[in-house]
Amino acid sequence: MLALVLAASTADADDEIDRQQERVVEAFGRRDYPAAERLLEDLLAADPGHPEHLYNLACARSLQGDGEGAVTHLLAAIDAGFRDPSFLEEDPDLAAARAAPAFARVREAVANLAASSPLAARASLSAWLDRFGASRYRVEEDPARSLVIATVLSPESHAEMIEMLDRQADHLLATLFEQPPASPVLLVVARPEDAAAFFSDESTAGLYEHARRRLVTRDIGESLRHEFTHLLHHAQMERLGHRHPIWIQEGLASLYEAHEIAADGSVRFLPNSRHNVAYRAARAGVTRPWREVVTLSPREFMAESTRLYPQTRAMFEFIAAEAGLARFWESYLRTYPESPDGSAALREMFGDDLDAIEKRWKRWVIGRGPIDDSVRPGDASLGIEGEDLPDGIRVARLVPRSAAGAAGVRRNDVLLAIDDAPIRSTRELLLAVAARRVGETVRLRVRRGDTTLELSAVLRPLPNSAGGTAISPRPRR
């Protein structure tokens, strides 16, 4: 099982490197491990200290039967910052490495990780600031959450982010994950230009690298909530010595992209841009069978990420609604030794086999129906074209006679909220407006320079001149 999800998301944005990484995935997929090895060596020539490339190279050597060579690369990966010991003990691709006498040195290195792990976040912070400029980022520590935070946010947005993370952490630790990370993690809210240079493609909104104790996000909305769930989840897996399957990792993180936490700590999961993808797949009968989903490797999952992120989010929505998320999690942790894929916990919660549970789920997904996730000519609209910032939408253009313009919004203003609901990306803005009707009055919170304004807008029809076609959310990972 390769660390390809991490490697594919953290390489230089250069097109040739992107193509090289795609060739690595293809080589492993066709079991051409010598070709994968050559490609990885080329990547390491450009980035010698990349821990995931080193780990993947160890997998390539192991799959060719060279256990001793694989061990050499594993030790280099650990020296470079690889910090996920469960991969080393459980990854089937490393079977030959584990059979080699030298693997004892890997176990010894893993035993020493606990002493060095507190340094990983600091090393990641230094590398980030060296690359993108220390003067551009505000850095602070949150010892209670084991976080080192670097952001480019305004003081107001920074405070809102901290409040959101506190609520989410309190809920997740109380219901699922129990403890914060044992060692600090770097959390970066990146400038748009830095994010463009860091991520390998624009569909990647955020990333958590457990090996480097680093979370990087483009925005403080759904993207941050997704990756922050990964952060706390990985801390639990490391503490328990578990390696939960990719459908659980990504389904759970996707579930928490859109949610509300009540004063009593209870949670309500909200539809987001993944909702209709799952609905249409269920209606068309093209969802991946559950008995296959629970066995997918990270490589297989990411090959179908466009449909599997929405499907696994919908699976967890169903689990939360019909069985109770905390009850399922307790069952899963208890049954993990016998059934790490989660199938035993599912059978225990629903009292049936996976095929029968899946049939119930499909009926549930179809029965809840679609949401309005597009804005067509004639639909309610603010009449703005915007660009994503970490905490809102910069108004790049106002449609003539737009609702936003009539309300006093100007070009280069930053839209922060609609009716007190934060709007952190154009995707979130689209869903918020799609649910409205022409003539509705909404309150807008916008930032103009250093001043925050409260404005009132009456939604107007989107004119044909604004594009003439439906505006829908873009696929993302």
Foldseek 3Di string as FASTA:
>chain_A
DAPLVVVQWFAFQDPVLNVLSVVLLVCVVVVVLVVNLVSLVVSCVVVVLALRSLQVNLLSCVQVLNLVVSLVSNVSSVVSQAQAVLCVVPPPSNPSVVVDPCCVVVVVSNVCCVVVVQCLQVVVVVVLCVVPNPVQWDWDDDVQQLEIETENDDPVLVVVLVVVLVLLVVLCCVQFQVGHAPHHAYEYQDWPVSSSRGTNDPQAAWDQDPSRSYIYGPASALRVQLVVQLRSVSSSCRVVSHDAAPLVSLLVSNQRRAWDADPVSDIDTDDAQLLVLLLVCLVVVNQDQPVVVLPDHPSRCVVVVLNSSSNSVLVVVCCCVQQNNSQLNVLQVVCCVVPSSSQVSVCVRVVDHRVVVVVVSSCVSNVVPDAQFKAAFFFWDQQFDFDAGRQFTQGQDGHPPGQVVVQPDDHRKGWADKQPHGHHGVRSVRRVRRRDGQQDKIWIWIDDPNDIDITITGTHGHHCVVPRGMDGDDGHD
